[in-house]
Amino acid sequence: MKSIGSIHGCDDTVIRLLPESPFYDAQERMKEYLLSVEDDRMLYNFRRAAGLDTCGAVPLDGWEKWESQIKGHTTGHYMSALALCYHAAGDERFKEKALYMVKSLAECQDAFSKMEGVGEGFLSGYLPDQFDQLEEYVEYPTIWAPYYTLHKIFAGLLDCYTYAGAKEALAVSERLGLWVWRRLSKLTYQQRTRMWSMYIAGEFGAMNVIMAQLYMLTGREEFIDCAKLFDNKKLIYPLEQKRDELDQMHANQHIPQMLGALEIYKAAGEKRYYDMARFFWQIVTDGHTYAPGGCGESEKFFAKDRIGDLLTKKTQETCASYNMLKLTKELFQYEPKSCYMDYYERTVLNHILASQDKRPTGESTYFFPLEPGAKREFLWENSCCHGTGMESHFKYRDGIYFHREDEFYVNLFIPSVLEWAERDVHIRQEAVGGHPERTRITVKGSGVHTIKIRLPKWTVNAAGAEENGVRVRGYEIEENGRKLAVEPDEDGYLVFTRDFSEEITFELTFTFSFRILRAADIPERAAIAYGPFVMAALSEEKGFLKLPFTETDIEEKMAPAEERLTFICEGTRWIPLCMVDEESYHVYGICSE
């Protein structure tokens, strides 16, 4: 199946978030944080390990302190964040910082290559000892995922190449990729199988993605062969058999491996890799996902549908959602169905947006707790989720618009503008009067195009229903002020083929209503959603709140407050989870059937 080309990849395409939305605010907070970061601090471990002058930089702390076994991973995320920020906002300051980081790491790589026993092309925040120990099956925490750390460095380099025009980054990546190939190609299948099955020590992030990308960028066969050397039998075999055996697997150790499967399919056309990734997405989203879209407890998957008895302070690792969103976006490009973007919207809005500190500290939650009376917590230690958090708030634009030839998809209702000079297509999307229930989409472009607007799953009676013999919709749409009666197509989109030589405005009004989202294993434990928002009850109670409503009377019992999207029910205030700051909150409560 032909991939839909994401218009984000077109050099002359500009997509910008509009002010006065929570997505824009989150992006701006992260911009402010990145500007405060001293680049030389991010380079300290690399320069010290390579025997170079550290330029008077103060060492980092937490996971990045010199004694840490995972140091260097944050630097990779930081480079990705700089590149993504430049791509999202067009601010030259971030490009300058990205170019400096690439140039400095190239100097470190040259120094490493002159060191005895290191090998041509190596680059890391430490010497290769951990790679040696992994091949001897040394376990975590003696070593800590050396290929995972290497993946973050690779990803930062290639993001700087792709989004910030850092040409030198590809040369550095190619040299480092050949170092990996020379190392892994000497190992037997049995050795690699044992390595990749090791808990955390054998975690390799999405190294298979990197190698497949290097193959497509350079044409070197070694890289696609190397990508397949990361095949993990423990994960792949049950997926090929269409079996859900995720129970007890480390979530974020395995989600990125499916990103690699898709990239290998893209590069080499081996469909079994696509089938594995698609099935993996299905089982995670169907049976391992909490109401806000996150997955995992204490970083692990558990048995299918086991949700209600795993509502703790260690739910929903933010890195896992970061990678599930990547996987979702990639799958959508092969199969443009609204179900992918329904999940994408749910997770972006209710987990990723909710995970950021509402001050410009650069911090995101590691876990997003779902225990009763929880509070968001920030670790301040350069954790993995701090790293992905630096990137995520520049990726809100990623899922909004896609195209295939003359078809344009509007997937997310995020205030934004798109300017595609080559195709002479201009789209502006706004929340009418600041109300998320009403979206105005204005399109201008030469010639005939097709616009496909996602009809969200949460829309009341979106597929149509009957009340007293009358067909009811949960949405209304107007074209240039004229009401239309439009049904979604089989993929869940409202489709409009028009000559856009004259500007056309579509205005959508969605019916927001309350839904009770029950845990499959313990149905009386339930979360509440209002339109696309998962709601949080603000309360310091430490036990599950007894919810004084059911599906039949929730609408009448949730009384609107003066503040937007805020409700009061028997003295308890409910707000969207993404609006929670320092308050104690409840997402799941006890709701009688």
Protein backbone atom coordinates (compact mmCIF):
# COMPACT_ATOMS: atom_id res chain seq x y z
CA MET A 1 0.00 0.00 0.00
CA LYS A 2 1.34 3.40 -0.95
CA SER A 3 2.30 5.68 1.90
CA ILE A 4 0.71 9.07 2.23
CA GLY A 5 3.50 11.60 2.10
CA SER A 6 3.34 13.79 5.18
CA ILE A 7 3.45 17.38 3.99
CA HIS A 8 5.75 18.17 6.90
CA GLY A 9 8.57 16.72 4.81
CA CYS A 10 8.24 19.26 1.99
CA ASP A 11 10.98 21.89 2.06
CA ASP A 12 8.68 24.72 1.06
CA THR A 13 5.90 23.84 3.51
CA VAL A 14 5.38 25.95 6.60
CA ILE A 15 3.08 24.81 9.40
CA ARG A 16 2.78 27.03 12.45
CA LEU A 17 0.69 26.80 15.58
CA LEU A 18 -1.47 29.82 16.30
CA PRO A 19 -1.32 31.64 19.67
CA GLU A 20 -4.00 31.35 22.32
CA SER A 21 -4.10 27.57 22.41
CA PRO A 22 -2.65 25.24 25.07
CA PHE A 23 -0.53 23.56 22.39
CA TYR A 24 1.09 26.84 21.41
CA ASP A 25 1.66 27.71 25.06
CA ALA A 26 3.39 24.37 25.69
CA GLN A 27 5.60 24.91 22.63
CA GLU A 28 6.57 28.39 23.82
CA ARG A 29 7.44 27.17 27.32
CA MET A 30 9.78 24.58 25.84
CA LYS A 31 11.35 27.14 23.52
CA GLU A 32 12.13 29.31 26.53
CA TYR A 33 13.71 26.36 28.31
CA LEU A 34 15.90 25.34 25.35
CA LEU A 35 17.25 28.86 25.05
CA SER A 36 18.33 28.64 28.69
CA VAL A 37 20.37 25.46 28.18
CA GLU A 38 24.14 25.86 27.83
CA ASP A 39 25.28 23.78 24.86
CA ASP A 40 28.71 23.12 26.36
CA ARG A 41 27.10 21.44 29.37
CA MET A 42 25.35 19.04 26.97
CA LEU A 43 28.75 18.32 25.41
CA TYR A 44 30.66 17.87 28.68
CA ASN A 45 30.55 14.05 28.86
CA PHE A 46 31.45 13.61 25.18
CA ARG A 47 34.42 15.96 25.35
CA ARG A 48 35.69 14.50 28.61
CA ALA A 49 35.40 10.91 27.34
CA ALA A 50 37.18 11.89 24.10
CA GLY A 51 39.96 13.63 25.99
CA LEU A 52 39.05 17.12 24.78
CA ASP A 53 38.80 20.44 26.59
CA THR A 54 35.38 20.69 28.27
CA CYS A 55 35.34 24.49 27.74
CA GLY A 56 34.78 25.22 31.42
CA ALA A 57 31.32 23.68 31.36
CA VAL A 58 29.60 22.61 34.57
CA PRO A 59 28.79 18.87 34.40
CA LEU A 60 25.16 17.82 34.20
CA ASP A 61 23.51 15.87 37.01
CA GLY A 62 21.06 13.01 37.48
CA TRP A 63 21.16 10.47 34.68
CA GLU A 64 23.78 12.64 32.95
CA LYS A 65 26.34 12.85 35.76
CA TRP A 66 29.79 11.56 34.87
CA GLU A 67 29.31 8.41 36.96
CA SER A 68 26.06 7.46 35.17
CA GLN A 69 25.93 4.52 32.79
CA ILE A 70 23.41 6.21 30.49
CA LYS A 71 25.06 9.60 30.10
CA GLY A 72 24.75 11.09 26.64
CA HIS A 73 21.11 10.19 25.99
CA THR A 74 19.86 13.65 27.03
CA THR A 75 22.27 15.28 24.61
CA GLY A 76 20.72 13.33 21.76
CA HIS A 77 17.20 14.35 22.79
CA TYR A 78 18.37 17.95 23.15
CA MET A 79 19.67 17.96 19.58
CA SER A 80 16.39 16.53 18.32
CA ALA A 81 14.50 19.19 20.27
CA LEU A 82 16.60 21.99 18.79
CA ALA A 83 16.02 20.71 15.26
CA LEU A 84 12.30 20.16 15.80
CA CYS A 85 11.95 23.59 17.39
CA TYR A 86 13.62 25.23 14.40
CA HIS A 87 11.35 23.27 12.07
CA ALA A 88 8.24 24.18 14.08
CA ALA A 89 8.97 27.85 14.80
CA GLY A 90 11.58 28.94 12.26
CA ASP A 91 13.73 30.68 14.86
CA GLU A 92 17.35 30.84 13.62
CA ARG A 93 18.73 30.75 17.17
CA PHE A 94 17.82 27.08 17.43
CA LYS A 95 19.45 26.24 14.11
CA GLU A 96 22.65 27.90 15.31
CA LYS A 97 22.62 25.84 18.50
CA ALA A 98 21.97 22.65 16.51
CA LEU A 99 24.85 23.33 14.12
CA TYR A 100 27.18 24.00 17.05
CA MET A 101 26.22 20.68 18.65
CA VAL A 102 26.86 18.75 15.43
CA LYS A 103 30.21 20.44 14.80
CA SER A 104 31.33 19.75 18.37
CA LEU A 105 30.31 16.08 18.26
CA ALA A 106 32.16 15.66 14.96
CA GLU A 107 35.28 16.88 16.78
CA CYS A 108 34.65 14.34 19.54
CA GLN A 109 34.23 11.57 16.97
CA ASP A 110 37.56 12.44 15.37
CA ALA A 111 39.23 12.33 18.79
CA PHE A 112 37.63 8.97 19.69
CA SER A 113 38.80 7.47 16.39
CA LYS A 114 42.40 8.22 17.27
CA MET A 115 42.14 6.43 20.63
CA GLU A 116 43.46 2.89 20.88
CA GLY A 117 40.82 0.19 21.20
CA VAL A 118 37.86 2.45 20.42
CA GLY A 119 37.43 2.04 16.68
CA GLU A 120 36.85 4.32 13.72
CA GLY A 121 33.58 6.25 13.91
CA PHE A 122 32.67 5.66 17.56
CA LEU A 123 30.84 8.47 19.37
CA SER A 124 29.35 8.46 22.85
CA GLY A 125 29.49 10.08 26.26
CA TYR A 126 31.67 7.21 27.47
CA LEU A 127 34.16 4.66 26.12
CA PRO A 128 32.87 1.40 24.54
CA ASP A 129 33.18 -0.67 27.75
CA GLN A 130 29.42 -1.14 28.12
CA PHE A 131 29.16 -2.55 24.59
CA ASP A 132 31.87 -5.06 25.48
CA GLN A 133 30.03 -6.03 28.67
CA LEU A 134 26.69 -6.42 26.87
CA GLU A 135 28.28 -8.98 24.58
CA GLU A 136 29.27 -10.85 27.75
CA TYR A 137 25.63 -10.63 28.98
CA VAL A 138 26.37 -8.36 31.93
CA GLU A 139 23.02 -7.33 33.40
CA TYR A 140 21.40 -4.06 34.40
CA PRO A 141 22.24 -2.00 36.48
CA THR A 142 25.93 -2.85 36.02
CA ILE A 143 25.39 -1.64 32.46
CA TRP A 144 22.50 0.50 31.30
CA ALA A 145 21.30 0.06 27.72
CA PRO A 146 24.33 1.21 25.66
CA TYR A 147 22.52 0.85 22.32
CA TYR A 148 19.55 2.80 23.70
CA THR A 149 21.86 5.71 24.48
CA LEU A 150 23.50 5.38 21.09
CA HIS A 151 20.10 5.56 19.41
CA LYS A 152 19.35 8.91 21.05
CA ILE A 153 22.66 10.31 19.76
CA PHE A 154 21.95 8.98 16.27
CA ALA A 155 18.40 10.37 16.32
CA GLY A 156 19.65 13.80 17.40
CA LEU A 157 22.18 13.85 14.58
CA LEU A 158 19.70 12.77 11.89
CA ASP A 159 17.06 15.20 13.13
CA CYS A 160 19.62 18.00 12.87
CA TYR A 161 20.40 16.82 9.33
CA THR A 162 16.74 16.57 8.32
CA TYR A 163 15.21 19.60 10.02
CA ALA A 164 18.08 22.02 10.63
CA GLY A 165 20.19 21.53 7.51
CA ALA A 166 23.24 20.23 9.37
CA LYS A 167 24.88 18.34 6.50
CA GLU A 168 27.85 17.27 8.62
CA ALA A 169 25.45 15.28 10.83
CA LEU A 170 24.92 12.69 8.10
CA ALA A 171 28.65 12.11 7.72
CA VAL A 172 29.01 11.67 11.49
CA SER A 173 26.05 9.27 11.50
CA GLU A 174 27.43 7.24 8.63
CA ARG A 175 30.77 6.77 10.38
CA LEU A 176 29.02 5.80 13.61
CA GLY A 177 26.66 3.47 11.75
CA LEU A 178 29.58 1.59 10.24
CA TRP A 179 31.08 1.22 13.72
CA VAL A 180 27.84 -0.46 14.82
CA TRP A 181 27.72 -2.68 11.71
CA ARG A 182 31.30 -3.87 12.16
CA ARG A 183 30.57 -4.75 15.76
CA LEU A 184 27.21 -6.52 15.41
CA SER A 185 27.95 -8.36 12.16
CA LYS A 186 30.61 -10.37 14.01
CA LEU A 187 28.08 -11.76 16.49
CA THR A 188 26.01 -14.89 15.98
CA TYR A 189 22.22 -14.92 15.83
CA GLN A 190 22.17 -16.68 19.20
CA GLN A 191 24.34 -13.99 20.79
CA ARG A 192 22.15 -11.17 19.50
CA THR A 193 18.97 -12.96 20.52
CA ARG A 194 20.22 -13.28 24.07
CA MET A 195 21.41 -9.67 24.17
CA TRP A 196 18.14 -8.16 22.93
CA SER A 197 16.07 -10.20 25.35
CA MET A 198 17.91 -8.83 28.40
CA TYR A 199 15.89 -6.47 30.60
CA ILE A 200 17.05 -2.85 30.11
CA ALA A 201 20.68 -3.85 29.45
CA GLY A 202 19.66 -5.07 26.00
CA GLU A 203 17.27 -2.18 25.34
CA PHE A 204 18.25 -0.57 22.05
CA GLY A 205 15.61 2.08 21.49
CA ALA A 206 14.95 2.32 17.75
CA MET A 207 18.40 1.46 16.43
CA ASN A 208 16.68 -0.47 13.63
CA VAL A 209 14.99 2.78 12.56
CA ILE A 210 18.34 4.55 12.37
CA MET A 211 19.98 1.82 10.31
CA ALA A 212 17.09 1.65 7.85
CA GLN A 213 17.17 5.44 7.51
CA LEU A 214 20.93 5.41 6.90
CA TYR A 215 20.36 2.83 4.18
CA MET A 216 17.80 5.08 2.48
CA LEU A 217 20.04 8.13 2.84
CA THR A 218 23.31 6.55 1.71
CA GLY A 219 22.35 3.46 -0.29
CA ARG A 220 24.85 1.34 1.66
CA GLU A 221 23.61 -2.24 1.95
CA GLU A 222 25.43 -2.71 5.26
CA PHE A 223 22.87 -0.49 6.94
CA ILE A 224 19.70 -2.37 5.94
CA ASP A 225 21.45 -5.61 6.88
CA CYS A 226 22.38 -4.04 10.22
CA ALA A 227 18.78 -2.93 10.82
CA LYS A 228 17.67 -6.57 10.71
CA LEU A 229 20.37 -7.55 13.22
CA PHE A 230 18.20 -5.87 15.85
CA ASP A 231 15.27 -8.28 15.27
CA ASN A 232 14.15 -9.41 18.73
CA LYS A 233 12.73 -12.92 18.60
CA LYS A 234 11.08 -12.54 22.02
CA LEU A 235 8.81 -9.83 20.59
CA ILE A 236 8.65 -10.71 16.92
CA TYR A 237 7.69 -14.38 17.09
CA PRO A 238 4.35 -14.00 18.93
CA LEU A 239 3.44 -10.99 16.80
CA GLU A 240 3.97 -13.03 13.65
CA GLN A 241 1.65 -15.64 15.16
CA LYS A 242 -0.92 -12.91 15.93
CA ARG A 243 -0.65 -13.52 19.68
CA ASP A 244 -0.68 -10.95 22.45
CA GLU A 245 2.19 -11.97 24.73
CA LEU A 246 3.09 -8.51 26.01
CA ASP A 247 2.48 -9.44 29.65
CA GLN A 248 5.56 -8.49 31.74
CA MET A 249 7.40 -6.94 28.80
CA HIS A 250 9.06 -3.57 29.36
CA ALA A 251 6.80 -1.21 27.38
CA ASN A 252 9.26 1.39 26.16
CA GLN A 253 11.90 -1.24 25.45
CA HIS A 254 9.64 -2.80 22.83
CA ILE A 255 7.45 -0.07 21.32
CA PRO A 256 10.40 1.53 19.44
CA GLN A 257 11.29 -1.85 17.95
CA MET A 258 8.04 -1.70 16.01
CA LEU A 259 8.99 1.71 14.68
CA GLY A 260 12.03 -0.05 13.30
CA ALA A 261 9.89 -2.77 11.78
CA LEU A 262 7.96 -0.14 9.83
CA GLU A 263 11.16 1.58 8.72
CA ILE A 264 12.58 -1.71 7.45
CA TYR A 265 9.34 -2.26 5.54
CA LYS A 266 9.64 1.24 4.08
CA ALA A 267 13.26 0.63 3.07
CA ALA A 268 13.17 -3.00 1.95
CA GLY A 269 9.50 -3.79 1.27
CA GLU A 270 9.33 -6.89 3.50
CA LYS A 271 5.66 -6.92 4.42
CA ARG A 272 5.99 -9.15 7.48
CA TYR A 273 7.57 -6.18 9.27
CA TYR A 274 4.55 -4.00 8.48
CA ASP A 275 2.14 -6.72 9.62
CA MET A 276 3.96 -7.06 12.94
CA ALA A 277 3.88 -3.34 13.61
CA ARG A 278 0.21 -3.03 12.73
CA PHE A 279 -0.79 -5.96 14.96
CA PHE A 280 1.32 -4.60 17.80
CA TRP A 281 -0.48 -1.24 17.58
CA GLN A 282 -3.84 -3.00 17.64
CA ILE A 283 -3.17 -5.03 20.76
CA VAL A 284 -1.63 -2.11 22.67
CA THR A 285 -4.47 0.30 21.89
CA ASP A 286 -7.21 -2.32 22.32
CA GLY A 287 -6.12 -3.97 25.56
CA HIS A 288 -3.25 -2.14 27.25
CA THR A 289 -4.22 1.53 27.23
CA TYR A 290 -5.62 3.73 30.00
CA ALA A 291 -8.33 6.32 29.38
CA PRO A 292 -5.86 9.22 28.76
CA GLY A 293 -4.04 7.15 26.13
CA GLY A 294 -0.93 6.10 28.05
CA CYS A 295 0.13 2.52 28.70
CA GLY A 296 2.17 0.50 31.15
CA GLU A 297 2.52 0.36 34.93
CA SER A 298 5.99 0.52 36.49
CA GLU A 299 7.19 0.66 32.86
CA LYS A 300 5.73 -2.77 32.03
CA PHE A 301 2.85 -4.16 30.04
CA PHE A 302 0.55 -6.55 31.86
CA ALA A 303 -2.14 -8.97 30.69
CA LYS A 304 -4.71 -7.79 28.15
CA ASP A 305 -7.45 -5.55 29.62
CA ARG A 306 -5.76 -5.43 33.02
CA ILE A 307 -6.39 -1.76 33.78
CA GLY A 308 -8.69 -1.34 36.78
CA ASP A 309 -6.37 -2.99 39.31
CA LEU A 310 -3.29 -1.15 38.04
CA LEU A 311 -4.24 2.41 38.90
CA THR A 312 -1.11 3.50 40.74
CA LYS A 313 1.42 6.32 40.95
CA LYS A 314 3.55 4.57 38.31
CA THR A 315 1.20 4.43 35.35
CA GLN A 316 1.68 5.81 31.85
CA GLU A 317 5.40 6.35 31.25
CA THR A 318 5.59 9.43 29.04
CA CYS A 319 8.27 7.93 26.77
CA ALA A 320 5.92 5.08 25.91
CA SER A 321 3.24 7.49 24.67
CA TYR A 322 5.86 9.46 22.76
CA ASN A 323 6.78 6.32 20.84
CA MET A 324 3.21 5.06 20.42
CA LEU A 325 2.36 8.40 18.77
CA LYS A 326 5.27 7.96 16.38
CA LEU A 327 4.04 4.47 15.53
CA THR A 328 0.49 5.73 15.03
CA LYS A 329 1.57 8.48 12.67
CA GLU A 330 3.60 6.04 10.58
CA LEU A 331 0.78 3.51 10.34
CA PHE A 332 -1.69 6.21 9.34
CA GLN A 333 0.47 7.03 6.34
CA TYR A 334 -0.06 3.50 5.02
CA GLU A 335 -3.70 3.16 6.04
CA PRO A 336 -5.40 6.57 6.38
CA LYS A 337 -8.21 5.65 8.75
CA SER A 338 -9.63 7.88 11.45
CA CYS A 339 -9.13 5.20 14.12
CA TYR A 340 -5.41 5.97 14.14
CA MET A 341 -5.99 9.67 14.61
CA ASP A 342 -8.68 9.08 17.24
CA TYR A 343 -5.99 7.41 19.35
CA TYR A 344 -3.44 10.08 18.38
CA GLU A 345 -5.72 12.92 19.47
CA ARG A 346 -6.65 11.20 22.74
CA THR A 347 -3.02 10.63 23.73
CA VAL A 348 -1.64 13.99 22.60
CA LEU A 349 -4.39 15.92 24.38
CA ASN A 350 -4.76 13.90 27.56
CA HIS A 351 -1.26 12.59 28.18
CA ILE A 352 1.47 14.50 26.31
CA LEU A 353 -0.05 17.97 26.74
CA ALA A 354 -0.87 17.12 30.35
CA SER A 355 2.67 15.90 31.10
CA GLN A 356 4.50 19.23 30.84
CA ASP A 357 5.34 21.42 33.82
CA LYS A 358 3.33 24.61 33.38
CA ARG A 359 6.44 26.68 34.09
CA PRO A 360 9.31 26.84 31.56
CA THR A 361 11.48 24.31 33.39
CA GLY A 362 11.74 21.83 30.53
CA GLU A 363 10.34 19.06 32.72
CA SER A 364 7.73 16.47 31.88
CA THR A 365 6.28 13.77 34.07
CA TYR A 366 8.08 10.41 34.04
CA PHE A 367 4.95 8.53 35.08
CA PHE A 368 1.53 10.12 34.84
CA PRO A 369 -0.13 8.74 37.99
CA LEU A 370 -3.70 7.45 37.98
CA GLU A 371 -3.98 6.48 41.64
CA PRO A 372 -6.74 8.25 43.61
CA GLY A 373 -5.71 11.70 44.82
CA ALA A 374 -2.56 11.71 42.68
CA LYS A 375 -0.37 14.68 41.92
CA ARG A 376 1.86 15.21 38.92
CA GLU A 377 5.52 14.79 39.86
CA PHE A 378 8.70 15.95 38.16
CA LEU A 379 12.02 14.19 38.74
CA TRP A 380 14.52 16.93 37.81
CA GLU A 381 17.20 14.37 36.93
CA ASN A 382 17.63 14.29 33.15
CA SER A 383 15.47 11.20 32.87
CA CYS A 384 14.42 9.55 29.63
CA CYS A 385 11.03 11.29 29.83
CA HIS A 386 12.74 14.64 30.30
CA GLY A 387 14.45 13.85 27.00
CA THR A 388 11.35 12.90 25.02
CA GLY A 389 9.50 15.75 26.71
CA MET A 390 11.92 18.25 25.20
CA GLU A 391 10.89 16.98 21.77
CA SER A 392 7.17 16.30 22.19
CA HIS A 393 5.99 19.88 22.52
CA PHE A 394 7.38 20.71 19.08
CA LYS A 395 5.53 17.79 17.51
CA TYR A 396 1.92 18.92 17.96
CA ARG A 397 1.93 20.02 14.34
CA ASP A 398 3.00 16.55 13.16
CA GLY A 399 -0.45 14.97 13.12
CA ILE A 400 -2.57 17.87 11.94
CA TYR A 401 -2.21 17.76 8.15
CA PHE A 402 -1.33 15.02 5.66
CA HIS A 403 -1.67 14.70 1.92
CA ARG A 404 -1.85 12.17 -0.88
CA GLU A 405 -1.61 13.77 -4.30
CA ASP A 406 -4.53 16.23 -4.37
CA GLU A 407 -6.16 14.90 -1.17
CA PHE A 408 -5.52 16.83 2.04
CA TYR A 409 -6.33 15.38 5.44
CA VAL A 410 -7.21 17.54 8.44
CA ASN A 411 -6.77 15.19 11.38
CA LEU A 412 -6.38 17.27 14.52
CA PHE A 413 -8.32 20.35 15.54
CA ILE A 414 -5.38 22.46 16.67
CA PRO A 415 -5.30 26.16 15.76
CA SER A 416 -2.67 26.40 13.04
CA VAL A 417 -1.78 27.63 9.59
CA LEU A 418 -0.36 25.70 6.65
CA GLU A 419 1.38 27.36 3.72
CA TRP A 420 2.52 25.04 0.92
CA ALA A 421 4.01 27.23 -1.79
CA GLU A 422 4.72 24.51 -4.36
CA ARG A 423 1.12 23.29 -4.41
CA ASP A 424 -0.33 26.75 -3.73
CA VAL A 425 -2.37 25.40 -0.81
CA HIS A 426 -3.15 27.55 2.22
CA ILE A 427 -5.13 26.30 5.22
CA ARG A 428 -5.97 28.18 8.39
CA GLN A 429 -7.65 26.48 11.34
CA GLU A 430 -9.08 28.34 14.33
CA ALA A 431 -11.25 27.65 17.34
CA VAL A 432 -14.25 29.94 16.88
CA GLY A 433 -14.40 32.32 19.82
CA GLY A 434 -11.89 30.15 21.64
CA HIS A 435 -14.42 27.33 21.89
CA PRO A 436 -12.95 23.88 21.07
CA GLU A 437 -16.45 22.70 20.09
CA ARG A 438 -16.37 25.00 17.05
CA THR A 439 -13.64 24.85 14.44
CA ARG A 440 -13.24 27.11 11.40
CA ILE A 441 -11.11 25.77 8.54
CA THR A 442 -10.35 28.19 5.72
CA VAL A 443 -8.84 26.80 2.50
CA LYS A 444 -7.37 28.64 -0.48
CA GLY A 445 -5.53 27.04 -3.37
CA SER A 446 -5.30 27.01 -7.14
CA GLY A 447 -7.43 24.37 -8.82
CA VAL A 448 -9.44 21.42 -7.57
CA HIS A 449 -8.43 19.62 -4.39
CA THR A 450 -10.10 17.24 -1.97
CA ILE A 451 -10.23 18.11 1.71
CA LYS A 452 -10.86 15.27 4.16
CA ILE A 453 -11.79 16.32 7.70
CA ARG A 454 -11.72 13.68 10.43
CA LEU A 455 -15.00 13.08 12.22
CA PRO A 456 -13.89 12.17 15.75
CA LYS A 457 -15.07 8.95 17.36
CA TRP A 458 -16.12 10.86 20.48
CA THR A 459 -18.70 12.89 18.55
CA VAL A 460 -22.19 11.96 19.69
CA ASN A 461 -23.95 9.78 17.11
CA ALA A 462 -21.17 10.59 14.65
CA ALA A 463 -22.15 7.66 12.46
CA GLY A 464 -25.80 8.62 12.70
CA ALA A 465 -28.56 7.30 14.95
CA GLU A 466 -32.28 7.73 15.33
CA GLU A 467 -34.25 9.36 18.10
CA ASN A 468 -38.03 9.15 17.75
CA GLY A 469 -37.59 8.21 14.11
CA VAL A 470 -35.44 11.27 13.36
CA ARG A 471 -31.81 10.90 12.28
CA VAL A 472 -29.52 12.72 14.73
CA ARG A 473 -25.95 13.86 14.18
CA GLY A 474 -23.43 14.93 16.76
CA TYR A 475 -21.98 17.53 14.45
CA GLU A 476 -22.97 20.30 12.09
CA ILE A 477 -20.99 21.70 9.20
CA GLU A 478 -21.32 24.86 7.17
CA GLU A 479 -19.60 25.83 3.94
CA ASN A 480 -19.35 29.59 3.49
CA GLY A 481 -22.26 29.95 5.90
CA ARG A 482 -24.46 27.35 4.19
CA LYS A 483 -25.39 24.26 6.21
CA LEU A 484 -24.51 20.93 4.65
CA ALA A 485 -25.75 17.39 5.28
CA VAL A 486 -22.58 15.33 4.92
CA GLU A 487 -21.98 11.77 6.06
CA PRO A 488 -18.47 10.43 6.80
CA ASP A 489 -16.85 8.04 4.35
CA GLU A 490 -15.88 4.49 5.33
CA ASP A 491 -12.59 5.72 6.78
CA GLY A 492 -14.29 8.25 9.08
CA TYR A 493 -13.76 11.48 7.10
CA LEU A 494 -16.03 14.24 5.82
CA VAL A 495 -14.97 14.66 2.20
CA PHE A 496 -15.14 17.86 0.12
CA THR A 497 -13.87 18.10 -3.46
CA ARG A 498 -13.87 21.72 -4.50
CA ASP A 499 -12.21 24.30 -6.72
CA PHE A 500 -10.39 26.32 -4.09
CA SER A 501 -9.36 29.12 -6.43
CA GLU A 502 -11.79 31.18 -4.40
CA GLU A 503 -11.35 30.89 -0.62
CA ILE A 504 -13.77 28.47 1.07
CA THR A 505 -14.51 28.36 4.79
CA PHE A 506 -15.81 25.25 6.56
CA GLU A 507 -17.17 25.65 10.06
CA LEU A 508 -17.71 22.55 12.18
CA THR A 509 -19.68 22.43 15.40
CA PHE A 510 -19.27 19.29 17.48
CA THR A 511 -21.61 18.17 20.22
CA PHE A 512 -19.54 17.66 23.37
CA SER A 513 -21.13 15.19 25.74
CA PHE A 514 -20.05 13.11 28.74
CA ARG A 515 -18.98 9.50 28.39
CA ILE A 516 -18.15 6.96 31.07
CA LEU A 517 -15.06 4.93 30.19
CA ARG A 518 -15.13 1.71 32.19
CA ALA A 519 -12.11 -0.50 32.83
CA ALA A 520 -12.66 -3.85 31.14
CA ASP A 521 -11.41 -5.86 34.11
CA ILE A 522 -13.22 -3.88 36.83
CA PRO A 523 -16.14 -2.08 35.13
CA GLU A 524 -17.13 -0.12 38.24
CA ARG A 525 -13.79 1.68 38.04
CA ALA A 526 -14.36 4.30 35.40
CA ALA A 527 -12.98 7.52 33.93
CA ILE A 528 -15.07 10.37 32.55
CA ALA A 529 -14.61 12.06 29.17
CA TYR A 530 -16.20 15.21 27.82
CA GLY A 531 -15.78 15.43 24.08
CA PRO A 532 -12.07 14.73 23.47
CA PHE A 533 -11.10 15.63 27.05
CA VAL A 534 -10.52 13.08 29.81
CA MET A 535 -11.75 14.84 32.93
CA ALA A 536 -10.15 15.03 36.36
CA ALA A 537 -11.99 15.45 39.66
CA LEU A 538 -10.04 17.80 41.94
CA SER A 539 -9.91 16.21 45.38
CA GLU A 540 -7.29 15.32 47.98
CA GLU A 541 -9.15 12.15 48.98
CA LYS A 542 -6.86 9.12 48.82
CA GLY A 543 -9.52 6.52 48.15
CA PHE A 544 -11.52 6.09 44.96
CA LEU A 545 -14.28 8.68 44.74
CA LYS A 546 -17.79 7.30 44.46
CA LEU A 547 -19.19 8.87 41.32
CA PRO A 548 -22.81 9.99 41.87
CA PHE A 549 -24.00 9.29 38.34
CA THR A 550 -24.28 6.63 35.65
CA GLU A 551 -24.59 6.75 31.89
CA THR A 552 -28.26 7.68 32.20
CA ASP A 553 -27.95 10.84 34.30
CA ILE A 554 -24.37 12.13 34.01
CA GLU A 555 -25.34 14.95 31.64
CA GLU A 556 -27.87 16.44 34.05
CA LYS A 557 -25.68 16.03 37.14
CA MET A 558 -22.54 17.69 35.74
CA ALA A 559 -23.33 21.39 36.12
CA PRO A 560 -21.25 23.88 34.04
CA ALA A 561 -19.15 26.33 36.08
CA GLU A 562 -18.24 29.82 34.96
CA GLU A 563 -14.80 28.72 33.71
CA ARG A 564 -14.67 27.05 30.31
CA LEU A 565 -14.71 23.24 30.32
CA THR A 566 -15.21 23.17 34.09
CA PHE A 567 -18.08 21.38 35.84
CA ILE A 568 -19.35 20.90 39.39
CA CYS A 569 -21.00 17.72 40.60
CA GLU A 570 -22.13 17.52 44.24
CA GLY A 571 -19.42 19.95 45.31
CA THR A 572 -16.55 18.37 43.34
CA ARG A 573 -14.90 20.38 40.59
CA TRP A 574 -14.06 18.61 37.31
CA ILE A 575 -11.61 19.99 34.75
CA PRO A 576 -9.81 18.52 31.70
CA LEU A 577 -6.80 16.49 32.78
CA CYS A 578 -4.55 18.62 30.59
CA MET A 579 -5.48 21.67 32.72
CA VAL A 580 -4.35 20.10 36.01
CA ASP A 581 -1.35 21.83 37.57
CA GLU A 582 -0.42 21.30 41.23
CA GLU A 583 -3.81 20.02 42.38
CA SER A 584 -4.56 16.51 43.61
CA TYR A 585 -6.81 14.78 41.11
CA HIS A 586 -8.78 11.63 40.37
CA VAL A 587 -9.17 10.23 36.86
CA TYR A 588 -10.83 6.93 37.78
CA GLY A 589 -13.62 6.63 40.33
CA ILE A 590 -16.20 4.07 41.41
CA CYS A 591 -19.25 4.18 39.16
CA SER A 592 -22.14 1.77 39.62
CA GLU A 593 -23.35 -0.08 36.54
